[in-house]
Amino acid sequence: MKMYLLAAQEQSIVPTLVMFGGIFVVMYFFMIRPQQKKQKEARKFRDNLKEGDNVITIGGVHGKVSDVSDSSVVVIVESGAKLRFEKSAVAQNADGQLANQAK
């Protein structure tokens, strides 16, 4: 009887390890990988900013890019004021957002 219990206990760790491995794989493909892809696209967008692009910052400021440097952009808002933002503060292209909403 004791031999049977020991054999059952030794085999029970393998399915547990397989289950944890499966959970990690699912988390990677449904959570980690899409987030990395999204960050890569955001980095590419920020690196390709140019004068005349309509943008929205993470603070919700809408404006047009008037100057781009290595780490910052100057945005002209509706009142004509020029505001300098870090490139990381630019969230999205306003033109693309309007096109996506129209669909």
PDB file of N, CA and C in Angstrom:
ATOM      1  N   MET A   1       0.821  -1.192   0.000  1.00  0.00           N
ATOM      2  CA  MET A   1       0.000   0.000   0.000  1.00  0.00           C
ATOM      3  C   MET A   1       0.863   1.254   0.000  1.00  0.00           C
ATOM      4  N   LYS A   2       1.942   1.256   0.799  1.00  0.00           N
ATOM      5  CA  LYS A   2       2.804   2.435   0.857  1.00  0.00           C
ATOM      6  C   LYS A   2       3.530   2.654  -0.472  1.00  0.00           C
ATOM      7  N   MET A   3       3.895   1.622  -1.164  1.00  0.00           N
ATOM      8  CA  MET A   3       4.572   1.758  -2.449  1.00  0.00           C
ATOM      9  C   MET A   3       3.659   2.448  -3.455  1.00  0.00           C
ATOM     10  N   TYR A   4       2.400   2.126  -3.421  1.00  0.00           N
ATOM     11  CA  TYR A   4       1.439   2.721  -4.338  1.00  0.00           C
ATOM     12  C   TYR A   4       1.307   4.224  -4.066  1.00  0.00           C
ATOM     13  N   LEU A   5       1.251   4.650  -2.831  1.00  0.00           N
ATOM     14  CA  LEU A   5       1.126   6.066  -2.479  1.00  0.00           C
ATOM     15  C   LEU A   5       2.374   6.848  -2.882  1.00  0.00           C
ATOM     16  N   LEU A   6       3.538   6.282  -2.691  1.00  0.00           N
ATOM     17  CA  LEU A   6       4.768   6.970  -3.077  1.00  0.00           C
ATOM     18  C   LEU A   6       4.843   7.163  -4.585  1.00  0.00           C
ATOM     19  N   ALA A   7       4.448   6.176  -5.332  1.00  0.00           N
ATOM     20  CA  ALA A   7       4.487   6.269  -6.784  1.00  0.00           C
ATOM     21  C   ALA A   7       3.511   7.328  -7.275  1.00  0.00           C
ATOM     22  N   ALA A   8       2.353   7.418  -6.658  1.00  0.00           N
ATOM     23  CA  ALA A   8       1.360   8.407  -7.051  1.00  0.00           C
ATOM     24  C   ALA A   8       1.858   9.819  -6.721  1.00  0.00           C
ATOM     25  N   GLN A   9       2.535  10.008  -5.609  1.00  0.00           N
ATOM     26  CA  GLN A   9       3.050  11.320  -5.230  1.00  0.00           C
ATOM     27  C   GLN A   9       4.183  11.760  -6.151  1.00  0.00           C
ATOM     28  N   GLU A  10       5.014  10.864  -6.577  1.00  0.00           N
ATOM     29  CA  GLU A  10       6.123  11.206  -7.459  1.00  0.00           C
ATOM     30  C   GLU A  10       5.631  11.625  -8.836  1.00  0.00           C
ATOM     31  N   GLN A  11       4.586  11.062  -9.334  1.00  0.00           N
ATOM     32  CA  GLN A  11       4.075  11.383 -10.661  1.00  0.00           C
ATOM     33  C   GLN A  11       3.238  12.655 -10.664  1.00  0.00           C
ATOM     34  N   SER A  12       2.754  13.115  -9.544  1.00  0.00           N
ATOM     35  CA  SER A  12       1.852  14.261  -9.512  1.00  0.00           C
ATOM     36  C   SER A  12       2.561  15.583  -9.775  1.00  0.00           C
ATOM     37  N   ILE A  13       3.868  15.651  -9.682  1.00  0.00           N
ATOM     38  CA  ILE A  13       4.577  16.904  -9.906  1.00  0.00           C
ATOM     39  C   ILE A  13       4.697  17.235 -11.389  1.00  0.00           C
ATOM     40  N   VAL A  14       4.740  16.239 -12.256  1.00  0.00           N
ATOM     41  CA  VAL A  14       4.890  16.467 -13.692  1.00  0.00           C
ATOM     42  C   VAL A  14       3.687  17.206 -14.269  1.00  0.00           C
ATOM     43  N   PRO A  15       2.463  16.786 -14.026  1.00  0.00           N
ATOM     44  CA  PRO A  15       1.323  17.546 -14.569  1.00  0.00           C
ATOM     45  C   PRO A  15       1.257  18.981 -14.016  1.00  0.00           C
ATOM     46  N   THR A  16       1.681  19.168 -12.798  1.00  0.00           N
ATOM     47  CA  THR A  16       1.692  20.507 -12.208  1.00  0.00           C
ATOM     48  C   THR A  16       2.686  21.400 -12.943  1.00  0.00           C
ATOM     49  N   LEU A  17       3.863  20.881 -13.216  1.00  0.00           N
ATOM     50  CA  LEU A  17       4.859  21.656 -13.954  1.00  0.00           C
ATOM     51  C   LEU A  17       4.386  21.955 -15.372  1.00  0.00           C
ATOM     52  N   VAL A  18       3.751  21.001 -16.014  1.00  0.00           N
ATOM     53  CA  VAL A  18       3.224  21.204 -17.357  1.00  0.00           C
ATOM     54  C   VAL A  18       2.139  22.282 -17.331  1.00  0.00           C
ATOM     55  N   MET A  19       1.295  22.261 -16.316  1.00  0.00           N
ATOM     56  CA  MET A  19       0.225  23.256 -16.195  1.00  0.00           C
ATOM     57  C   MET A  19       0.807  24.654 -16.015  1.00  0.00           C
ATOM     58  N   PHE A  20       1.812  24.805 -15.147  1.00  0.00           N
ATOM     59  CA  PHE A  20       2.432  26.111 -14.952  1.00  0.00           C
ATOM     60  C   PHE A  20       3.137  26.586 -16.227  1.00  0.00           C
ATOM     61  N   GLY A  21       3.766  25.667 -16.930  1.00  0.00           N
ATOM     62  CA  GLY A  21       4.389  26.015 -18.205  1.00  0.00           C
ATOM     63  C   GLY A  21       3.353  26.485 -19.214  1.00  0.00           C
ATOM     64  N   GLY A  22       2.227  25.799 -19.260  1.00  0.00           N
ATOM     65  CA  GLY A  22       1.138  26.193 -20.164  1.00  0.00           C
ATOM     66  C   GLY A  22       0.577  27.561 -19.813  1.00  0.00           C
ATOM     67  N   ILE A  23       0.438  27.831 -18.529  1.00  0.00           N
ATOM     68  CA  ILE A  23      -0.054  29.143 -18.095  1.00  0.00           C
ATOM     69  C   ILE A  23       0.914  30.237 -18.524  1.00  0.00           C
ATOM     70  N   PHE A  24       2.213  29.994 -18.373  1.00  0.00           N
ATOM     71  CA  PHE A  24       3.205  30.987 -18.785  1.00  0.00           C
ATOM     72  C   PHE A  24       3.134  31.234 -20.289  1.00  0.00           C
ATOM     73  N   VAL A  25       2.990  30.180 -21.076  1.00  0.00           N
ATOM     74  CA  VAL A  25       2.912  30.331 -22.530  1.00  0.00           C
ATOM     75  C   VAL A  25       1.682  31.146 -22.912  1.00  0.00           C
ATOM     76  N   VAL A  26       0.552  30.857 -22.301  1.00  0.00           N
ATOM     77  CA  VAL A  26      -0.677  31.610 -22.582  1.00  0.00           C
ATOM     78  C   VAL A  26      -0.493  33.079 -22.191  1.00  0.00           C
ATOM     79  N   MET A  27       0.087  33.345 -21.025  1.00  0.00           N
ATOM     80  CA  MET A  27       0.314  34.728 -20.599  1.00  0.00           C
ATOM     81  C   MET A  27       1.237  35.447 -21.572  1.00  0.00           C
ATOM     82  N   TYR A  28       2.258  34.749 -22.058  1.00  0.00           N
ATOM     83  CA  TYR A  28       3.191  35.376 -22.985  1.00  0.00           C
ATOM     84  C   TYR A  28       2.476  35.799 -24.267  1.00  0.00           C
ATOM     85  N   PHE A  29       1.700  34.891 -24.862  1.00  0.00           N
ATOM     86  CA  PHE A  29       1.068  35.193 -26.144  1.00  0.00           C
ATOM     87  C   PHE A  29      -0.128  36.124 -26.031  1.00  0.00           C
ATOM     88  N   PHE A  30      -0.809  36.175 -24.901  1.00  0.00           N
ATOM     89  CA  PHE A  30      -1.979  37.034 -24.775  1.00  0.00           C
ATOM     90  C   PHE A  30      -1.718  38.335 -24.025  1.00  0.00           C
ATOM     91  N   MET A  31      -0.605  38.441 -23.300  1.00  0.00           N
ATOM     92  CA  MET A  31      -0.364  39.652 -22.520  1.00  0.00           C
ATOM     93  C   MET A  31       0.981  40.302 -22.848  1.00  0.00           C
ATOM     94  N   ILE A  32       2.051  39.575 -22.759  1.00  0.00           N
ATOM     95  CA  ILE A  32       3.387  40.160 -22.882  1.00  0.00           C
ATOM     96  C   ILE A  32       3.702  40.517 -24.324  1.00  0.00           C
ATOM     97  N   ARG A  33       3.506  39.617 -25.242  1.00  0.00           N
ATOM     98  CA  ARG A  33       3.852  39.853 -26.650  1.00  0.00           C
ATOM     99  C   ARG A  33       3.066  41.005 -27.268  1.00  0.00           C
ATOM    100  N   PRO A  34       1.743  41.093 -27.088  1.00  0.00           N
ATOM    101  CA  PRO A  34       1.016  42.241 -27.648  1.00  0.00           C
ATOM    102  C   PRO A  34       1.470  43.575 -27.057  1.00  0.00           C
ATOM    103  N   GLN A  35       1.811  43.590 -25.779  1.00  0.00           N
ATOM    104  CA  GLN A  35       2.279  44.825 -25.154  1.00  0.00           C
ATOM    105  C   GLN A  35       3.619  45.246 -25.747  1.00  0.00           C
ATOM    106  N   GLN A  36       4.521  44.311 -25.978  1.00  0.00           N
ATOM    107  CA  GLN A  36       5.806  44.632 -26.590  1.00  0.00           C
ATOM    108  C   GLN A  36       5.619  45.155 -28.009  1.00  0.00           C
ATOM    109  N   LYS A  37       4.680  44.567 -28.750  1.00  0.00           N
ATOM    110  CA  LYS A  37       4.400  45.009 -30.110  1.00  0.00           C
ATOM    111  C   LYS A  37       3.845  46.431 -30.099  1.00  0.00           C
ATOM    112  N   LYS A  38       2.968  46.723 -29.165  1.00  0.00           N
ATOM    113  CA  LYS A  38       2.385  48.057 -29.039  1.00  0.00           C
ATOM    114  C   LYS A  38       3.458  49.095 -28.694  1.00  0.00           C
ATOM    115  N   GLN A  39       4.371  48.751 -27.802  1.00  0.00           N
ATOM    116  CA  GLN A  39       5.457  49.658 -27.440  1.00  0.00           C
ATOM    117  C   GLN A  39       6.383  49.905 -28.624  1.00  0.00           C
ATOM    118  N   LYS A  40       6.640  48.882 -29.410  1.00  0.00           N
ATOM    119  CA  LYS A  40       7.499  49.028 -30.585  1.00  0.00           C
ATOM    120  C   LYS A  40       6.853  49.969 -31.600  1.00  0.00           C
ATOM    121  N   GLU A  41       5.543  49.828 -31.824  1.00  0.00           N
ATOM    122  CA  GLU A  41       4.833  50.705 -32.746  1.00  0.00           C
ATOM    123  C   GLU A  41       4.830  52.147 -32.251  1.00  0.00           C
ATOM    124  N   ALA A  42       4.655  52.356 -30.942  1.00  0.00           N
ATOM    125  CA  ALA A  42       4.664  53.703 -30.370  1.00  0.00           C
ATOM    126  C   ALA A  42       6.046  54.333 -30.530  1.00  0.00           C
ATOM    127  N   ARG A  43       7.097  53.566 -30.307  1.00  0.00           N
ATOM    128  CA  ARG A  43       8.461  54.069 -30.467  1.00  0.00           C
ATOM    129  C   ARG A  43       8.716  54.452 -31.921  1.00  0.00           C
ATOM    130  N   LYS A  44       8.257  53.624 -32.858  1.00  0.00           N
ATOM    131  CA  LYS A  44       8.427  53.910 -34.275  1.00  0.00           C
ATOM    132  C   LYS A  44       7.673  55.184 -34.652  1.00  0.00           C
ATOM    133  N   PHE A  45       6.445  55.351 -34.142  1.00  0.00           N
ATOM    134  CA  PHE A  45       5.651  56.551 -34.409  1.00  0.00           C
ATOM    135  C   PHE A  45       6.374  57.798 -33.905  1.00  0.00           C
ATOM    136  N   ARG A  46       6.900  57.746 -32.694  1.00  0.00           N
ATOM    137  CA  ARG A  46       7.587  58.903 -32.111  1.00  0.00           C
ATOM    138  C   ARG A  46       8.877  59.226 -32.854  1.00  0.00           C
ATOM    139  N   ASP A  47       9.566  58.209 -33.334  1.00  0.00           N
ATOM    140  CA  ASP A  47      10.797  58.448 -34.081  1.00  0.00           C
ATOM    141  C   ASP A  47      10.522  59.056 -35.455  1.00  0.00           C
ATOM    142  N   ASN A  48       9.331  58.835 -36.009  1.00  0.00           N
ATOM    143  CA  ASN A  48       8.990  59.325 -37.338  1.00  0.00           C
ATOM    144  C   ASN A  48       8.151  60.603 -37.308  1.00  0.00           C
ATOM    145  N   LEU A  49       8.070  61.279 -36.167  1.00  0.00           N
ATOM    146  CA  LEU A  49       7.330  62.539 -36.108  1.00  0.00           C
ATOM    147  C   LEU A  49       8.000  63.571 -37.003  1.00  0.00           C
ATOM    148  N   LYS A  50       7.180  64.375 -37.673  1.00  0.00           N
ATOM    149  CA  LYS A  50       7.723  65.430 -38.530  1.00  0.00           C
ATOM    150  C   LYS A  50       6.842  66.672 -38.408  1.00  0.00           C
ATOM    151  N   GLU A  51       7.357  67.784 -38.912  1.00  0.00           N
ATOM    152  CA  GLU A  51       6.604  69.031 -38.855  1.00  0.00           C
ATOM    153  C   GLU A  51       5.302  68.886 -39.622  1.00  0.00           C
ATOM    154  N   GLY A  52       4.242  69.462 -39.060  1.00  0.00           N
ATOM    155  CA  GLY A  52       2.938  69.422 -39.701  1.00  0.00           C
ATOM    156  C   GLY A  52       2.044  68.290 -39.243  1.00  0.00           C
ATOM    157  N   ASP A  53       2.568  67.331 -38.495  1.00  0.00           N
ATOM    158  CA  ASP A  53       1.740  66.229 -37.985  1.00  0.00           C
ATOM    159  C   ASP A  53       0.802  66.749 -36.901  1.00  0.00           C
ATOM    160  N   ASN A  54      -0.459  66.346 -36.971  1.00  0.00           N
ATOM    161  CA  ASN A  54      -1.409  66.646 -35.900  1.00  0.00           C
ATOM    162  C   ASN A  54      -1.299  65.544 -34.864  1.00  0.00           C
ATOM    163  N   VAL A  55      -1.054  65.926 -33.605  1.00  0.00           N
ATOM    164  CA  VAL A  55      -0.823  64.937 -32.559  1.00  0.00           C
ATOM    165  C   VAL A  55      -1.685  65.227 -31.328  1.00  0.00           C
ATOM    166  N   ILE A  56      -1.780  64.209 -30.493  1.00  0.00           N
ATOM    167  CA  ILE A  56      -2.431  64.318 -29.194  1.00  0.00           C
ATOM    168  C   ILE A  56      -1.429  63.823 -28.167  1.00  0.00           C
ATOM    169  N   THR A  57      -1.228  64.599 -27.100  1.00  0.00           N
ATOM    170  CA  THR A  57      -0.291  64.189 -26.054  1.00  0.00           C
ATOM    171  C   THR A  57      -1.004  63.301 -25.047  1.00  0.00           C
ATOM    172  N   ILE A  58      -0.224  62.699 -24.147  1.00  0.00           N
ATOM    173  CA  ILE A  58      -0.828  61.844 -23.129  1.00  0.00           C
ATOM    174  C   ILE A  58      -1.665  62.651 -22.149  1.00  0.00           C
ATOM    175  N   GLY A  59      -1.463  63.975 -22.107  1.00  0.00           N
ATOM    176  CA  GLY A  59      -2.271  64.853 -21.263  1.00  0.00           C
ATOM    177  C   GLY A  59      -3.537  65.322 -21.943  1.00  0.00           C
ATOM    178  N   GLY A  60      -3.715  64.982 -23.229  1.00  0.00           N
ATOM    179  CA  GLY A  60      -4.921  65.347 -23.948  1.00  0.00           C
ATOM    180  C   GLY A  60      -4.802  66.632 -24.746  1.00  0.00           C
ATOM    181  N   VAL A  61      -3.602  67.188 -24.875  1.00  0.00           N
ATOM    182  CA  VAL A  61      -3.405  68.415 -25.636  1.00  0.00           C
ATOM    183  C   VAL A  61      -3.349  68.073 -27.123  1.00  0.00           C
ATOM    184  N   HIS A  62      -4.206  68.738 -27.922  1.00  0.00           N
ATOM    185  CA  HIS A  62      -4.231  68.551 -29.367  1.00  0.00           C
ATOM    186  C   HIS A  62      -3.460  69.690 -29.999  1.00  0.00           C
ATOM    187  N   GLY A  63      -2.648  69.385 -31.001  1.00  0.00           N
ATOM    188  CA  GLY A  63      -1.910  70.432 -31.680  1.00  0.00           C
ATOM    189  C   GLY A  63      -1.171  69.923 -32.895  1.00  0.00           C
ATOM    190  N   LYS A  64      -0.441  70.842 -33.518  1.00  0.00           N
ATOM    191  CA  LYS A  64       0.325  70.527 -34.720  1.00  0.00           C
ATOM    192  C   LYS A  64       1.805  70.679 -34.404  1.00  0.00           C
ATOM    193  N   VAL A  65       2.604  69.703 -34.816  1.00  0.00           N
ATOM    194  CA  VAL A  65       4.039  69.723 -34.559  1.00  0.00           C
ATOM    195  C   VAL A  65       4.671  70.808 -35.429  1.00  0.00           C
ATOM    196  N   SER A  66       5.456  71.697 -34.783  1.00  0.00           N
ATOM    197  CA  SER A  66       6.135  72.740 -35.549  1.00  0.00           C
ATOM    198  C   SER A  66       7.641  72.549 -35.567  1.00  0.00           C
ATOM    199  N   ASP A  67       8.194  71.795 -34.610  1.00  0.00           N
ATOM    200  CA  ASP A  67       9.633  71.574 -34.572  1.00  0.00           C
ATOM    201  C   ASP A  67       9.899  70.242 -33.872  1.00  0.00           C
ATOM    202  N   VAL A  68      10.852  69.489 -34.405  1.00  0.00           N
ATOM    203  CA  VAL A  68      11.206  68.193 -33.826  1.00  0.00           C
ATOM    204  C   VAL A  68      12.706  68.179 -33.545  1.00  0.00           C
ATOM    205  N   SER A  69      13.074  67.805 -32.326  1.00  0.00           N
ATOM    206  CA  SER A  69      14.482  67.604 -31.993  1.00  0.00           C
ATOM    207  C   SER A  69      14.668  66.150 -31.576  1.00  0.00           C
ATOM    208  N   ASP A  70      15.857  65.806 -31.073  1.00  0.00           N
ATOM    209  CA  ASP A  70      16.131  64.414 -30.709  1.00  0.00           C
ATOM    210  C   ASP A  70      15.182  63.880 -29.644  1.00  0.00           C
ATOM    211  N   SER A  71      14.918  64.687 -28.613  1.00  0.00           N
ATOM    212  CA  SER A  71      14.130  64.169 -27.495  1.00  0.00           C
ATOM    213  C   SER A  71      12.837  64.937 -27.236  1.00  0.00           C
ATOM    214  N   SER A  72      12.587  66.006 -27.982  1.00  0.00           N
ATOM    215  CA  SER A  72      11.379  66.794 -27.717  1.00  0.00           C
ATOM    216  C   SER A  72      10.752  67.290 -29.015  1.00  0.00           C
ATOM    217  N   VAL A  73       9.506  67.740 -28.893  1.00  0.00           N
ATOM    218  CA  VAL A  73       8.775  68.327 -30.016  1.00  0.00           C
ATOM    219  C   VAL A  73       8.117  69.615 -29.547  1.00  0.00           C
ATOM    220  N   VAL A  74       7.963  70.568 -30.460  1.00  0.00           N
ATOM    221  CA  VAL A  74       7.226  71.798 -30.172  1.00  0.00           C
ATOM    222  C   VAL A  74       5.882  71.660 -30.863  1.00  0.00           C
ATOM    223  N   VAL A  75       4.812  71.844 -30.077  1.00  0.00           N
ATOM    224  CA  VAL A  75       3.453  71.676 -30.576  1.00  0.00           C
ATOM    225  C   VAL A  75       2.754  73.028 -30.522  1.00  0.00           C
ATOM    226  N   ILE A  76       2.130  73.417 -31.630  1.00  0.00           N
ATOM    227  CA  ILE A  76       1.335  74.640 -31.656  1.00  0.00           C
ATOM    228  C   ILE A  76      -0.115  74.250 -31.407  1.00  0.00           C
ATOM    229  N   VAL A  77      -0.711  74.852 -30.380  1.00  0.00           N
ATOM    230  CA  VAL A  77      -2.106  74.559 -30.040  1.00  0.00           C
ATOM    231  C   VAL A  77      -3.015  75.561 -30.733  1.00  0.00           C
ATOM    232  N   GLU A  78      -4.325  75.407 -30.584  1.00  0.00           N
ATOM    233  CA  GLU A  78      -5.308  76.219 -31.293  1.00  0.00           C
ATOM    234  C   GLU A  78      -5.160  77.715 -31.026  1.00  0.00           C
ATOM    235  N   SER A  79      -4.781  78.081 -29.815  1.00  0.00           N
ATOM    236  CA  SER A  79      -4.645  79.504 -29.485  1.00  0.00           C
ATOM    237  C   SER A  79      -3.373  80.109 -30.072  1.00  0.00           C
ATOM    238  N   GLY A  80      -2.525  79.315 -30.675  1.00  0.00           N
ATOM    239  CA  GLY A  80      -1.292  79.803 -31.262  1.00  0.00           C
ATOM    240  C   GLY A  80      -0.087  79.662 -30.351  1.00  0.00           C
ATOM    241  N   ALA A  81      -0.302  79.217 -29.129  1.00  0.00           N
ATOM    242  CA  ALA A  81       0.793  79.045 -28.180  1.00  0.00           C
ATOM    243  C   ALA A  81       1.648  77.850 -28.593  1.00  0.00           C
ATOM    244  N   LYS A  82       2.956  77.990 -28.390  1.00  0.00           N
ATOM    245  CA  LYS A  82       3.883  76.903 -28.689  1.00  0.00           C
ATOM    246  C   LYS A  82       4.272  76.228 -27.382  1.00  0.00           C
ATOM    247  N   LEU A  83       4.090  74.932 -27.328  1.00  0.00           N
ATOM    248  CA  LEU A  83       4.402  74.150 -26.134  1.00  0.00           C
ATOM    249  C   LEU A  83       5.437  73.094 -26.494  1.00  0.00           C
ATOM    250  N   ARG A  84       6.444  72.946 -25.641  1.00  0.00           N
ATOM    251  CA  ARG A  84       7.476  71.932 -25.864  1.00  0.00           C
ATOM    252  C   ARG A  84       7.158  70.706 -25.006  1.00  0.00           C
ATOM    253  N   PHE A  85       7.137  69.534 -25.643  1.00  0.00           N
ATOM    254  CA  PHE A  85       6.872  68.269 -24.966  1.00  0.00           C
ATOM    255  C   PHE A  85       8.012  67.302 -25.261  1.00  0.00           C
ATOM    256  N   GLU A  86       8.238  66.383 -24.338  1.00  0.00           N
ATOM    257  CA  GLU A  86       9.125  65.260 -24.617  1.00  0.00           C
ATOM    258  C   GLU A  86       8.429  64.369 -25.644  1.00  0.00           C
ATOM    259  N   LYS A  87       9.204  63.710 -26.469  1.00  0.00           N
ATOM    260  CA  LYS A  87       8.606  62.818 -27.470  1.00  0.00           C
ATOM    261  C   LYS A  87       7.777  61.718 -26.813  1.00  0.00           C
ATOM    262  N   SER A  88       8.185  61.297 -25.630  1.00  0.00           N
ATOM    263  CA  SER A  88       7.453  60.233 -24.941  1.00  0.00           C
ATOM    264  C   SER A  88       6.065  60.684 -24.496  1.00  0.00           C
ATOM    265  N   ALA A  89       5.813  62.005 -24.486  1.00  0.00           N
ATOM    266  CA  ALA A  89       4.506  62.513 -24.081  1.00  0.00           C
ATOM    267  C   ALA A  89       3.518  62.551 -25.245  1.00  0.00           C
ATOM    268  N   VAL A  90       3.982  62.311 -26.461  1.00  0.00           N
ATOM    269  CA  VAL A  90       3.096  62.296 -27.618  1.00  0.00           C
ATOM    270  C   VAL A  90       2.485  60.911 -27.707  1.00  0.00           C
ATOM    271  N   ALA A  91       1.156  60.869 -27.636  1.00  0.00           N
ATOM    272  CA  ALA A  91       0.468  59.583 -27.571  1.00  0.00           C
ATOM    273  C   ALA A  91       0.079  59.036 -28.931  1.00  0.00           C
ATOM    274  N   GLN A  92      -0.484  59.909 -29.787  1.00  0.00           N
ATOM    275  CA  GLN A  92      -0.992  59.381 -31.048  1.00  0.00           C
ATOM    276  C   GLN A  92      -1.122  60.480 -32.085  1.00  0.00           C
ATOM    277  N   ASN A  93      -1.302  60.043 -33.298  1.00  0.00           N
ATOM    278  CA  ASN A  93      -1.516  60.959 -34.404  1.00  0.00           C
ATOM    279  C   ASN A  93      -2.996  61.307 -34.442  1.00  0.00           C
ATOM    280  N   ALA A  94      -3.340  62.574 -34.381  1.00  0.00           N
ATOM    281  CA  ALA A  94      -4.749  62.986 -34.357  1.00  0.00           C
ATOM    282  C   ALA A  94      -5.437  62.656 -35.671  1.00  0.00           C
ATOM    283  N   ASP A  95      -4.737  62.742 -36.789  1.00  0.00           N
ATOM    284  CA  ASP A  95      -5.349  62.419 -38.082  1.00  0.00           C
ATOM    285  C   ASP A  95      -5.750  60.954 -38.140  1.00  0.00           C
ATOM    286  N   GLY A  96      -4.884  60.070 -37.657  1.00  0.00           N
ATOM    287  CA  GLY A  96      -5.184  58.644 -37.653  1.00  0.00           C
ATOM    288  C   GLY A  96      -6.338  58.314 -36.737  1.00  0.00           C
ATOM    289  N   GLN A  97      -6.429  59.005 -35.619  1.00  0.00           N
ATOM    290  CA  GLN A  97      -7.509  58.755 -34.677  1.00  0.00           C
ATOM    291  C   GLN A  97      -8.844  59.154 -35.311  1.00  0.00           C
ATOM    292  N   LEU A  98      -8.885  60.282 -35.994  1.00  0.00           N
ATOM    293  CA  LEU A  98     -10.116  60.712 -36.629  1.00  0.00           C
ATOM    294  C   LEU A  98     -10.529  59.758 -37.744  1.00  0.00           C
ATOM    295  N   ALA A  99      -9.568  59.240 -38.470  1.00  0.00           N
ATOM    296  CA  ALA A  99      -9.871  58.279 -39.526  1.00  0.00           C
ATOM    297  C   ALA A  99     -10.426  56.994 -38.953  1.00  0.00           C
ATOM    298  N   ASN A 100      -9.889  56.542 -37.811  1.00  0.00           N
ATOM    299  CA  ASN A 100     -10.365  55.313 -37.184  1.00  0.00           C
ATOM    300  C   ASN A 100     -11.766  55.487 -36.610  1.00  0.00           C
ATOM    301  N   GLN A 101     -12.109  56.682 -36.120  1.00  0.00           N
ATOM    302  CA  GLN A 101     -13.430  56.919 -35.552  1.00  0.00           C
ATOM    303  C   GLN A 101     -14.484  56.959 -36.643  1.00  0.00           C
ATOM    304  N   ALA A 102     -14.116  57.414 -37.832  1.00  0.00           N
ATOM    305  CA  ALA A 102     -15.082  57.522 -38.927  1.00  0.00           C
ATOM    306  C   ALA A 102     -15.490  56.154 -39.456  1.00  0.00           C
ATOM    307  N   LYS A 103     -14.672  55.142 -39.277  1.00  0.00           N
ATOM    308  CA  LYS A 103     -14.959  53.792 -39.801  1.00  0.00           C
ATOM    309  C   LYS A 103     -16.038  53.108 -39.040  1.00  0.00           C
TER     310      LYS A 103
END
